[in-house]
Protein backbone atom coordinates (compact mmCIF):
# COMPACT_ATOMS: atom_id res chain seq x y z
CA UNK A 1 4.11 15.70 3.71
CA UNK A 2 3.89 16.31 -0.05
CA UNK A 3 1.75 19.12 -1.42
CA UNK A 4 -0.70 18.53 -4.25
CA UNK A 5 -2.52 21.09 -6.38
CA UNK A 6 -5.88 19.95 -7.67
CA UNK A 7 -8.64 20.84 -10.08
CA UNK A 8 -12.07 19.51 -9.21
CA UNK A 9 -15.64 19.94 -10.33
CA UNK A 10 -18.53 20.74 -8.01
CA UNK A 11 -21.77 18.77 -8.59
CA UNK A 12 -23.10 21.78 -10.52
CA UNK A 13 -20.10 21.68 -12.89
CA UNK A 14 -18.26 24.70 -11.47
CA UNK A 15 -14.47 24.28 -11.50
CA UNK A 16 -12.57 24.63 -8.23
CA UNK A 17 -8.84 24.63 -7.63
CA UNK A 18 -6.79 24.32 -4.50
CA UNK A 19 -3.79 22.90 -2.70
CA UNK A 20 -3.82 19.98 -0.32
CA UNK A 21 -1.28 18.15 1.89
CA UNK A 22 -1.45 14.39 1.45
CA UNK A 23 0.78 11.33 1.94
CA UNK A 24 0.31 10.11 -1.65
CA UNK A 25 -1.42 10.86 -4.93
CA UNK A 26 -4.20 8.41 -4.04
CA UNK A 27 -4.69 10.13 -0.66
CA UNK A 28 -4.84 13.53 -2.41
CA UNK A 29 -7.52 12.23 -4.81
CA UNK A 30 -9.51 10.89 -1.85
CA UNK A 31 -9.19 14.20 0.02
CA UNK A 32 -10.51 16.08 -3.04
CA UNK A 33 -13.48 13.68 -3.19
CA UNK A 34 -14.12 14.21 0.53
CA UNK A 35 -14.56 17.91 -0.27
CA UNK A 36 -17.47 16.92 -2.51
CA UNK A 37 -15.58 17.44 -5.75
CA UNK A 38 -14.99 15.24 -8.78
CA UNK A 39 -11.22 15.26 -9.24
CA UNK A 40 -10.05 16.33 -12.72
CA UNK A 41 -6.29 16.53 -12.08
CA UNK A 42 -3.92 16.30 -9.14
CA UNK A 43 -0.38 17.74 -9.43
CA UNK A 44 2.36 16.74 -6.97
CA UNK A 45 4.76 19.59 -6.15
CA UNK A 46 8.34 19.05 -5.08
CA UNK A 47 11.15 21.53 -4.42
CA UNK A 48 13.25 22.13 -7.47
CA UNK A 49 16.89 23.21 -7.67
CA UNK A 50 15.83 26.64 -8.94
CA UNK A 51 14.06 27.72 -5.72
CA UNK A 52 10.77 27.31 -7.52
CA UNK A 53 8.31 24.50 -7.55
CA UNK A 54 8.63 21.61 -9.95
CA UNK A 55 5.36 19.97 -10.94
CA UNK A 56 4.72 16.33 -11.63
CA UNK A 57 1.28 16.23 -13.22
CA UNK A 58 -1.00 13.26 -12.80
CA UNK A 59 -4.31 13.02 -14.61
CA UNK A 60 -7.02 11.37 -12.55
CA UNK A 61 -8.51 8.38 -14.34
CA UNK A 62 -12.21 7.50 -13.94
CA UNK A 63 -11.24 4.22 -12.29
CA UNK A 64 -9.48 6.20 -9.53
CA UNK A 65 -12.64 8.07 -8.59
CA UNK A 66 -14.69 6.41 -5.87
CA UNK A 67 -18.36 6.25 -6.68
């Protein structure tokens, strides 16, 4: 399962970061929301050829956030 790093805001505005396993970017955004956070960004991580992590950054659009 892909790994996603996220930045989210708590209701009081405090920034929180973390890593989450999810089947897709949309599932990662939903999982961040289920933690009570407003997603700011979600980055998909994949193995790179250099033994490090390669990031594919995706900015979360307001229309992707469930109200």
